[in-house]
């Protein structure tokens, strides 16, 4: 029995899913593209309306917010995260 790791398929077959990460948890996206609302629903638990969804972009650039009606062409290894819509800095 071999213990070598399988090389990720850059073009997953339909039904196999596209490996992505949302809030540090791995998921298999069933299709591409997906809307922000579909990505929110894919997370477990689903991301509520009180949080924004962002696409993590490598480097120093600003991470773009993903709107519910925005279509995202998914690629293996993409990372998304949620953050509160309103941040209360305290008193």
Protein backbone atom coordinates (compact mmCIF):
# COMPACT_ATOMS: atom_id res chain seq x y z
CA UNK A 1 0.00 0.00 0.00
CA UNK A 2 1.41 3.41 -0.99
CA UNK A 3 1.43 6.35 1.40
CA UNK A 4 2.25 8.99 -1.19
CA UNK A 5 -0.11 11.95 -1.41
CA UNK A 6 -2.35 12.37 -4.41
CA UNK A 7 -1.73 15.43 -6.57
CA UNK A 8 -4.77 17.76 -6.54
CA UNK A 9 -6.69 17.69 -9.81
CA UNK A 10 -6.62 21.22 -11.30
CA UNK A 11 -9.84 20.40 -13.19
CA UNK A 12 -12.16 18.45 -10.85
CA UNK A 13 -14.88 16.43 -12.55
CA UNK A 14 -18.48 17.53 -12.03
CA UNK A 15 -19.87 16.15 -8.79
CA UNK A 16 -16.46 15.86 -7.12
CA UNK A 17 -16.40 19.44 -5.88
CA UNK A 18 -13.82 22.21 -5.83
CA UNK A 19 -11.83 22.31 -2.57
CA UNK A 20 -12.15 25.74 -0.93
CA UNK A 21 -11.92 27.06 2.62
CA UNK A 22 -14.50 29.18 4.44
CA UNK A 23 -13.66 30.44 7.93
CA UNK A 24 -10.75 27.98 8.18
CA UNK A 25 -12.96 24.95 7.41
CA UNK A 26 -12.55 22.90 4.23
CA UNK A 27 -15.52 22.54 1.87
CA UNK A 28 -16.14 21.08 -1.57
CA UNK A 29 -17.95 23.60 -3.74
CA UNK A 30 -20.37 21.68 -5.97
CA UNK A 31 -19.99 24.02 -8.96
CA UNK A 32 -18.33 27.12 -10.35
CA UNK A 33 -19.26 29.86 -10.46
CA UNK A 34 -21.19 30.29 -7.21
CA UNK A 35 -22.82 33.41 -5.81
CA UNK A 36 -21.96 34.95 -2.48
CA UNK A 37 -25.33 33.75 -1.15
CA UNK A 38 -24.53 30.18 -2.25
CA UNK A 39 -21.11 30.33 -0.58
CA UNK A 40 -22.74 31.61 2.63
CA UNK A 41 -25.17 28.67 2.55
CA UNK A 42 -22.35 26.17 1.89
CA UNK A 43 -20.66 27.04 5.20
CA UNK A 44 -21.66 25.07 8.29
CA UNK A 45 -23.26 26.80 10.08
CA UNK A 46 -24.39 29.10 7.25
CA UNK A 47 -23.02 32.64 7.39
CA UNK A 48 -25.76 34.98 8.60
CA UNK A 49 -26.74 38.42 7.30
CA UNK A 50 -24.95 40.08 10.23
CA UNK A 51 -21.57 39.12 8.71
CA UNK A 52 -19.71 40.09 5.53
CA UNK A 53 -18.00 37.49 3.34
CA UNK A 54 -14.50 38.23 1.99
CA UNK A 55 -12.18 36.55 -0.48
CA UNK A 56 -8.69 36.29 0.99
CA UNK A 57 -6.17 37.64 -1.53
CA UNK A 58 -2.46 36.88 -1.04
CA UNK A 59 -0.18 39.86 -0.59
CA UNK A 60 -0.73 43.37 0.67
CA UNK A 61 -3.89 44.16 -1.30
CA UNK A 62 -7.26 44.61 0.32
CA UNK A 63 -9.46 41.50 0.49
CA UNK A 64 -12.62 42.10 -1.58
CA UNK A 65 -16.04 41.70 -0.03
CA UNK A 66 -18.28 39.19 -1.82
CA UNK A 67 -21.84 40.44 -2.24
CA UNK A 68 -24.72 37.94 -2.08
CA UNK A 69 -25.60 38.42 -5.77
CA UNK A 70 -21.95 38.45 -6.93
CA UNK A 71 -20.77 35.49 -9.00
CA UNK A 72 -17.36 34.03 -8.10
CA UNK A 73 -15.38 31.77 -10.44
CA UNK A 74 -14.03 29.26 -7.94
CA UNK A 75 -10.56 27.78 -8.14
CA UNK A 76 -9.09 25.04 -5.99
CA UNK A 77 -7.57 26.41 -2.78
CA UNK A 78 -9.50 29.69 -2.59
CA UNK A 79 -9.96 31.01 0.95
CA UNK A 80 -12.99 32.95 2.16
CA UNK A 81 -13.69 34.37 5.61
CA UNK A 82 -16.51 36.17 7.35
CA UNK A 83 -16.37 39.16 9.68
CA UNK A 84 -19.01 41.14 11.55
CA UNK A 85 -20.67 43.83 9.40
CA UNK A 86 -20.48 46.27 12.27
CA UNK A 87 -17.40 46.39 14.44
CA UNK A 88 -17.91 48.05 17.80
CA UNK A 89 -14.54 49.41 18.98
CA UNK A 90 -15.83 49.64 22.53
CA UNK A 91 -16.08 52.56 24.85
